[in-house]
Amino acid sequence: MATRASKKKSDYGPIYKGHEGQYSWLLHRITGVAIILFLFAHVIDTAVVGWGPNAYNRVIRVYENPIVRLLELGLVAAVLYHSFNGIKILLVDFFPSLAKHIRVMGIVTLVVFIAAMIPITWIMGGQIVDLVRN
């Protein structure tokens, strides 16, 4: 009589294997939601101008906080990643033959994103450091 070997859950590995495409998909969704949330907050803080310049100036002073500036850096990173990854998706949608190169395109997207973020982080990070020192 043949016996069937039972496998434990750990024998199959994690459910979420974490390939580049999966992380790209997840980051695209997260950055999209982050951008929408910022747009909502931006509409609200801009609408405060209706209550007069004093109210608007009080709201705008929040942006002089180093933590908020760090969030702005995160927003810039989200917009850049979302746009670069969106271009990759657009290229694959319009040129389906590129799908066989999706891993390389993902790596190129990541390299371009990092290359763009280096000077941006240097500039915005310097402003954050200046705010912390003062």
N, C-alpha and C. Protein backbone atom coordinates (compact mmCIF):
# COMPACT_ATOMS: atom_id res chain seq x y z
N MET A 1 0.84 -1.17 0.00
CA MET A 1 0.00 0.00 0.00
C MET A 1 0.89 1.24 0.00
N ALA A 2 0.60 2.13 -0.91
CA ALA A 2 1.37 3.36 -1.03
C ALA A 2 0.90 4.37 0.01
N THR A 3 1.85 5.02 0.61
CA THR A 3 1.48 6.06 1.58
C THR A 3 1.73 7.42 0.95
N ARG A 4 0.87 8.27 1.26
CA ARG A 4 0.96 9.65 0.75
C ARG A 4 1.71 10.50 1.76
N ALA A 5 2.75 11.12 1.30
CA ALA A 5 3.53 11.98 2.20
C ALA A 5 2.74 13.25 2.46
N SER A 6 2.56 13.53 3.71
CA SER A 6 1.85 14.78 4.03
C SER A 6 2.86 15.91 4.14
N LYS A 7 2.49 17.01 3.57
CA LYS A 7 3.37 18.18 3.61
C LYS A 7 2.84 19.17 4.63
N LYS A 8 3.78 19.77 5.30
CA LYS A 8 3.41 20.83 6.22
C LYS A 8 3.30 22.13 5.45
N LYS A 9 2.60 23.06 6.03
CA LYS A 9 2.42 24.36 5.38
C LYS A 9 3.77 25.01 5.07
N SER A 10 4.74 24.82 5.97
CA SER A 10 6.05 25.44 5.77
C SER A 10 6.81 24.82 4.59
N ASP A 11 6.43 23.62 4.16
CA ASP A 11 7.08 22.99 3.02
C ASP A 11 6.77 23.69 1.71
N TYR A 12 5.69 24.42 1.67
CA TYR A 12 5.29 25.11 0.45
C TYR A 12 5.87 26.51 0.35
N GLY A 13 6.43 27.01 1.41
CA GLY A 13 6.95 28.38 1.41
C GLY A 13 5.85 29.36 1.75
N PRO A 14 6.19 30.63 1.79
CA PRO A 14 5.18 31.63 2.14
C PRO A 14 4.14 31.76 1.02
N ILE A 15 2.95 32.14 1.40
CA ILE A 15 1.88 32.33 0.42
C ILE A 15 2.25 33.46 -0.54
N TYR A 16 2.78 34.54 0.02
CA TYR A 16 3.15 35.69 -0.79
C TYR A 16 4.64 35.58 -1.07
N LYS A 17 4.99 35.19 -2.27
CA LYS A 17 6.38 34.91 -2.61
C LYS A 17 7.22 36.16 -2.79
N GLY A 18 6.62 37.30 -3.10
CA GLY A 18 7.36 38.54 -3.17
C GLY A 18 8.21 38.73 -4.40
N HIS A 19 7.73 38.32 -5.54
CA HIS A 19 8.47 38.59 -6.78
C HIS A 19 8.39 40.07 -7.10
N GLU A 20 9.28 40.53 -7.98
CA GLU A 20 9.37 41.95 -8.30
C GLU A 20 8.01 42.51 -8.75
N GLY A 21 7.33 41.76 -9.58
CA GLY A 21 6.03 42.22 -10.09
C GLY A 21 5.00 42.40 -9.00
N GLN A 22 5.03 41.53 -8.00
CA GLN A 22 4.08 41.64 -6.89
C GLN A 22 4.35 42.88 -6.06
N TYR A 23 5.63 43.14 -5.80
CA TYR A 23 5.97 44.35 -5.04
C TYR A 23 5.67 45.61 -5.84
N SER A 24 5.91 45.55 -7.13
CA SER A 24 5.61 46.68 -8.00
C SER A 24 4.11 46.98 -7.99
N TRP A 25 3.30 45.93 -8.09
CA TRP A 25 1.84 46.06 -8.06
C TRP A 25 1.40 46.66 -6.73
N LEU A 26 1.94 46.13 -5.62
CA LEU A 26 1.56 46.61 -4.30
C LEU A 26 1.96 48.07 -4.09
N LEU A 27 3.20 48.42 -4.45
CA LEU A 27 3.65 49.80 -4.30
C LEU A 27 2.85 50.76 -5.17
N HIS A 28 2.45 50.31 -6.36
CA HIS A 28 1.65 51.17 -7.24
C HIS A 28 0.32 51.49 -6.58
N ARG A 29 -0.30 50.51 -5.94
CA ARG A 29 -1.59 50.75 -5.26
C ARG A 29 -1.41 51.65 -4.05
N ILE A 30 -0.37 51.38 -3.24
CA ILE A 30 -0.13 52.17 -2.03
C ILE A 30 0.17 53.63 -2.39
N THR A 31 1.03 53.85 -3.39
CA THR A 31 1.35 55.23 -3.77
C THR A 31 0.14 55.93 -4.36
N GLY A 32 -0.69 55.21 -5.09
CA GLY A 32 -1.91 55.82 -5.64
C GLY A 32 -2.84 56.29 -4.53
N VAL A 33 -3.03 55.47 -3.51
CA VAL A 33 -3.89 55.85 -2.39
C VAL A 33 -3.27 57.03 -1.63
N ALA A 34 -1.96 57.02 -1.44
CA ALA A 34 -1.30 58.13 -0.75
C ALA A 34 -1.48 59.44 -1.50
N ILE A 35 -1.37 59.39 -2.82
CA ILE A 35 -1.54 60.60 -3.63
C ILE A 35 -2.98 61.11 -3.53
N ILE A 36 -3.95 60.22 -3.58
CA ILE A 36 -5.36 60.63 -3.46
C ILE A 36 -5.61 61.26 -2.08
N LEU A 37 -5.06 60.67 -1.03
CA LEU A 37 -5.24 61.23 0.31
C LEU A 37 -4.62 62.63 0.41
N PHE A 38 -3.45 62.81 -0.21
CA PHE A 38 -2.85 64.14 -0.21
C PHE A 38 -3.73 65.13 -0.96
N LEU A 39 -4.25 64.72 -2.11
CA LEU A 39 -5.10 65.64 -2.88
C LEU A 39 -6.32 66.07 -2.08
N PHE A 40 -6.89 65.13 -1.32
CA PHE A 40 -8.02 65.48 -0.46
C PHE A 40 -7.61 66.51 0.58
N ALA A 41 -6.47 66.28 1.24
CA ALA A 41 -5.98 67.23 2.25
C ALA A 41 -5.64 68.57 1.61
N HIS A 42 -5.11 68.55 0.40
CA HIS A 42 -4.76 69.79 -0.30
C HIS A 42 -6.00 70.62 -0.62
N VAL A 43 -7.05 69.96 -1.04
CA VAL A 43 -8.30 70.69 -1.32
C VAL A 43 -8.82 71.32 -0.04
N ILE A 44 -8.75 70.59 1.06
CA ILE A 44 -9.23 71.12 2.35
C ILE A 44 -8.40 72.32 2.78
N ASP A 45 -7.05 72.21 2.75
CA ASP A 45 -6.25 73.33 3.23
C ASP A 45 -6.33 74.53 2.29
N THR A 46 -6.57 74.32 1.03
CA THR A 46 -6.75 75.44 0.11
C THR A 46 -8.12 76.10 0.32
N ALA A 47 -9.11 75.30 0.69
CA ALA A 47 -10.45 75.84 0.92
C ALA A 47 -10.50 76.77 2.12
N VAL A 48 -9.53 76.64 3.01
CA VAL A 48 -9.49 77.49 4.22
C VAL A 48 -9.32 78.96 3.85
N VAL A 49 -8.82 79.23 2.66
CA VAL A 49 -8.64 80.62 2.23
C VAL A 49 -9.98 81.38 2.25
N GLY A 50 -11.07 80.65 2.17
CA GLY A 50 -12.39 81.27 2.24
C GLY A 50 -12.69 81.90 3.59
N TRP A 51 -11.99 81.47 4.63
CA TRP A 51 -12.18 82.05 5.96
C TRP A 51 -11.25 83.22 6.22
N GLY A 52 -10.50 83.63 5.22
CA GLY A 52 -9.65 84.80 5.36
C GLY A 52 -8.18 84.45 5.42
N PRO A 53 -7.35 85.49 5.24
CA PRO A 53 -5.90 85.25 5.19
C PRO A 53 -5.32 84.75 6.51
N ASN A 54 -5.87 85.18 7.64
CA ASN A 54 -5.32 84.72 8.92
C ASN A 54 -5.51 83.22 9.11
N ALA A 55 -6.69 82.73 8.79
CA ALA A 55 -6.96 81.29 8.91
C ALA A 55 -6.07 80.50 7.96
N TYR A 56 -5.93 80.99 6.75
CA TYR A 56 -5.10 80.31 5.75
C TYR A 56 -3.64 80.28 6.20
N ASN A 57 -3.14 81.40 6.71
CA ASN A 57 -1.75 81.46 7.16
C ASN A 57 -1.49 80.51 8.33
N ARG A 58 -2.48 80.35 9.23
CA ARG A 58 -2.32 79.40 10.34
C ARG A 58 -2.22 77.97 9.82
N VAL A 59 -3.02 77.64 8.83
CA VAL A 59 -2.97 76.29 8.26
C VAL A 59 -1.65 76.07 7.53
N ILE A 60 -1.20 77.05 6.79
CA ILE A 60 0.04 76.93 6.02
C ILE A 60 1.26 76.82 6.93
N ARG A 61 1.20 77.39 8.14
CA ARG A 61 2.32 77.28 9.08
C ARG A 61 2.61 75.83 9.45
N VAL A 62 1.62 74.97 9.31
CA VAL A 62 1.83 73.55 9.60
C VAL A 62 2.94 72.98 8.72
N TYR A 63 3.07 73.50 7.50
CA TYR A 63 4.07 73.00 6.56
C TYR A 63 5.50 73.39 6.94
N GLU A 64 5.67 74.21 7.96
CA GLU A 64 7.00 74.56 8.43
C GLU A 64 7.52 73.57 9.46
N ASN A 65 6.73 72.55 9.77
CA ASN A 65 7.09 71.51 10.72
C ASN A 65 7.98 70.48 10.01
N PRO A 66 9.11 70.08 10.62
CA PRO A 66 10.00 69.10 9.98
C PRO A 66 9.32 67.76 9.68
N ILE A 67 8.40 67.34 10.52
CA ILE A 67 7.70 66.06 10.28
C ILE A 67 6.83 66.17 9.03
N VAL A 68 6.16 67.30 8.88
CA VAL A 68 5.33 67.50 7.70
C VAL A 68 6.22 67.59 6.46
N ARG A 69 7.37 68.21 6.58
CA ARG A 69 8.30 68.27 5.44
C ARG A 69 8.78 66.87 5.06
N LEU A 70 8.98 66.02 6.06
CA LEU A 70 9.36 64.64 5.78
C LEU A 70 8.22 63.91 5.04
N LEU A 71 6.99 64.20 5.44
CA LEU A 71 5.83 63.64 4.72
C LEU A 71 5.77 64.16 3.29
N GLU A 72 6.15 65.42 3.09
CA GLU A 72 6.20 65.97 1.72
C GLU A 72 7.24 65.24 0.88
N LEU A 73 8.36 64.91 1.48
CA LEU A 73 9.37 64.13 0.78
C LEU A 73 8.80 62.76 0.39
N GLY A 74 8.06 62.17 1.29
CA GLY A 74 7.38 60.90 0.99
C GLY A 74 6.37 61.05 -0.13
N LEU A 75 5.69 62.19 -0.15
CA LEU A 75 4.73 62.45 -1.23
C LEU A 75 5.43 62.55 -2.58
N VAL A 76 6.55 63.25 -2.61
CA VAL A 76 7.32 63.37 -3.85
C VAL A 76 7.77 61.98 -4.30
N ALA A 77 8.24 61.17 -3.36
CA ALA A 77 8.66 59.80 -3.70
C ALA A 77 7.47 59.00 -4.24
N ALA A 78 6.31 59.15 -3.63
CA ALA A 78 5.12 58.42 -4.09
C ALA A 78 4.73 58.84 -5.50
N VAL A 79 4.75 60.14 -5.76
CA VAL A 79 4.37 60.63 -7.09
C VAL A 79 5.37 60.13 -8.14
N LEU A 80 6.65 60.21 -7.83
CA LEU A 80 7.66 59.75 -8.79
C LEU A 80 7.54 58.26 -9.06
N TYR A 81 7.46 57.45 -8.01
CA TYR A 81 7.36 56.00 -8.22
C TYR A 81 6.09 55.67 -9.00
N HIS A 82 4.98 56.27 -8.60
CA HIS A 82 3.71 55.99 -9.25
C HIS A 82 3.76 56.37 -10.74
N SER A 83 4.39 57.49 -11.05
CA SER A 83 4.45 57.91 -12.45
C SER A 83 5.40 57.03 -13.26
N PHE A 84 6.57 56.71 -12.72
CA PHE A 84 7.51 55.85 -13.45
C PHE A 84 6.93 54.45 -13.65
N ASN A 85 6.31 53.92 -12.61
CA ASN A 85 5.70 52.59 -12.73
C ASN A 85 4.50 52.64 -13.69
N GLY A 86 3.78 53.75 -13.69
CA GLY A 86 2.66 53.92 -14.62
C GLY A 86 3.13 53.93 -16.06
N ILE A 87 4.28 54.53 -16.31
CA ILE A 87 4.85 54.52 -17.67
C ILE A 87 5.19 53.09 -18.08
N LYS A 88 5.75 52.33 -17.14
CA LYS A 88 6.05 50.91 -17.43
C LYS A 88 4.79 50.15 -17.78
N ILE A 89 3.73 50.35 -17.01
CA ILE A 89 2.46 49.68 -17.27
C ILE A 89 1.89 50.11 -18.62
N LEU A 90 1.97 51.38 -18.91
CA LEU A 90 1.49 51.91 -20.19
C LEU A 90 2.23 51.28 -21.36
N LEU A 91 3.54 51.17 -21.25
CA LEU A 91 4.33 50.57 -22.32
C LEU A 91 3.93 49.11 -22.56
N VAL A 92 3.74 48.37 -21.48
CA VAL A 92 3.33 46.96 -21.63
C VAL A 92 1.93 46.87 -22.21
N ASP A 93 1.03 47.78 -21.82
CA ASP A 93 -0.33 47.77 -22.37
C ASP A 93 -0.34 48.07 -23.86
N PHE A 94 0.46 49.02 -24.31
CA PHE A 94 0.46 49.40 -25.72
C PHE A 94 1.36 48.50 -26.57
N PHE A 95 2.35 47.90 -25.95
CA PHE A 95 3.27 47.02 -26.68
C PHE A 95 3.36 45.70 -25.92
N PRO A 96 2.38 44.80 -26.10
CA PRO A 96 2.33 43.55 -25.34
C PRO A 96 3.59 42.69 -25.45
N SER A 97 4.34 42.83 -26.53
CA SER A 97 5.56 42.03 -26.67
C SER A 97 6.61 42.40 -25.61
N LEU A 98 6.47 43.58 -25.00
CA LEU A 98 7.39 43.98 -23.94
C LEU A 98 7.17 43.20 -22.64
N ALA A 99 6.05 42.49 -22.54
CA ALA A 99 5.75 41.75 -21.31
C ALA A 99 6.83 40.72 -20.98
N LYS A 100 7.49 40.21 -22.00
CA LYS A 100 8.56 39.23 -21.73
C LYS A 100 9.79 39.89 -21.10
N HIS A 101 9.84 41.21 -21.13
CA HIS A 101 10.95 41.96 -20.52
C HIS A 101 10.51 42.69 -19.25
N ILE A 102 9.43 42.25 -18.65
CA ILE A 102 8.83 42.99 -17.53
C ILE A 102 9.78 43.08 -16.33
N ARG A 103 10.57 42.03 -16.09
CA ARG A 103 11.50 42.07 -14.95
C ARG A 103 12.56 43.15 -15.17
N VAL A 104 13.12 43.20 -16.36
CA VAL A 104 14.13 44.21 -16.67
C VAL A 104 13.51 45.61 -16.61
N MET A 105 12.29 45.74 -17.11
CA MET A 105 11.61 47.05 -17.07
C MET A 105 11.37 47.48 -15.62
N GLY A 106 11.04 46.52 -14.78
CA GLY A 106 10.85 46.83 -13.36
C GLY A 106 12.13 47.31 -12.70
N ILE A 107 13.23 46.66 -13.04
CA ILE A 107 14.53 47.06 -12.49
C ILE A 107 14.91 48.45 -13.00
N VAL A 108 14.68 48.70 -14.28
CA VAL A 108 14.97 50.03 -14.85
C VAL A 108 14.12 51.08 -14.17
N THR A 109 12.85 50.78 -13.94
CA THR A 109 11.95 51.71 -13.25
C THR A 109 12.49 52.04 -11.87
N LEU A 110 12.93 51.03 -11.15
CA LEU A 110 13.46 51.24 -9.80
C LEU A 110 14.75 52.06 -9.84
N VAL A 111 15.63 51.78 -10.79
CA VAL A 111 16.89 52.52 -10.89
C VAL A 111 16.63 53.99 -11.22
N VAL A 112 15.71 54.23 -12.16
CA VAL A 112 15.38 55.62 -12.53
C VAL A 112 14.76 56.34 -11.33
N PHE A 113 13.90 55.64 -10.59
CA PHE A 113 13.28 56.23 -9.40
C PHE A 113 14.35 56.61 -8.37
N ILE A 114 15.25 55.70 -8.09
CA ILE A 114 16.31 55.97 -7.11
C ILE A 114 17.21 57.11 -7.58
N ALA A 115 17.56 57.09 -8.88
CA ALA A 115 18.40 58.16 -9.43
C ALA A 115 17.71 59.53 -9.31
N ALA A 116 16.41 59.56 -9.51
CA ALA A 116 15.66 60.82 -9.39
C ALA A 116 15.54 61.25 -7.93
N MET A 117 15.42 60.29 -7.02
CA MET A 117 15.22 60.63 -5.61
C MET A 117 16.50 61.10 -4.92
N ILE A 118 17.66 60.76 -5.43
CA ILE A 118 18.90 61.16 -4.76
C ILE A 118 19.02 62.69 -4.67
N PRO A 119 18.95 63.43 -5.80
CA PRO A 119 19.06 64.89 -5.65
C PRO A 119 17.86 65.51 -4.93
N ILE A 120 16.70 64.93 -5.14
CA ILE A 120 15.50 65.47 -4.47
C ILE A 120 15.63 65.31 -2.96
N THR A 121 16.09 64.15 -2.52
CA THR A 121 16.27 63.93 -1.09
C THR A 121 17.36 64.83 -0.53
N TRP A 122 18.40 65.06 -1.31
CA TRP A 122 19.48 65.96 -0.88
C TRP A 122 18.94 67.37 -0.64
N ILE A 123 18.15 67.86 -1.59
CA ILE A 123 17.62 69.23 -1.49
C ILE A 123 16.57 69.33 -0.39
N MET A 124 15.56 68.46 -0.45
CA MET A 124 14.49 68.54 0.55
C MET A 124 14.99 68.14 1.94
N GLY A 125 15.90 67.16 1.99
CA GLY A 125 16.46 66.75 3.27
C GLY A 125 17.26 67.86 3.91
N GLY A 126 17.97 68.64 3.09
CA GLY A 126 18.70 69.80 3.63
C GLY A 126 17.77 70.82 4.25
N GLN A 127 16.63 71.03 3.62
CA GLN A 127 15.65 71.96 4.18
C GLN A 127 15.06 71.43 5.50
N ILE A 128 14.86 70.12 5.56
CA ILE A 128 14.34 69.50 6.79
C ILE A 128 15.36 69.67 7.91
N VAL A 129 16.63 69.41 7.60
CA VAL A 129 17.70 69.57 8.61
C VAL A 129 17.76 71.01 9.09
N ASP A 130 17.64 71.98 8.16
CA ASP A 130 17.63 73.40 8.55
C ASP A 130 16.48 73.71 9.50
N LEU A 131 15.30 73.14 9.24
CA LEU A 131 14.16 73.37 10.12
C LEU A 131 14.41 72.78 11.51
N VAL A 132 15.04 71.62 11.56
CA VAL A 132 15.31 70.99 12.85
C VAL A 132 16.32 71.81 13.66
N ARG A 133 17.33 72.34 12.97
CA ARG A 133 18.34 73.15 13.66
C ARG A 133 17.78 74.45 14.22
N ASN A 134 16.80 75.01 13.59
CA ASN A 134 16.25 76.30 14.05
C ASN A 134 15.26 76.10 15.11
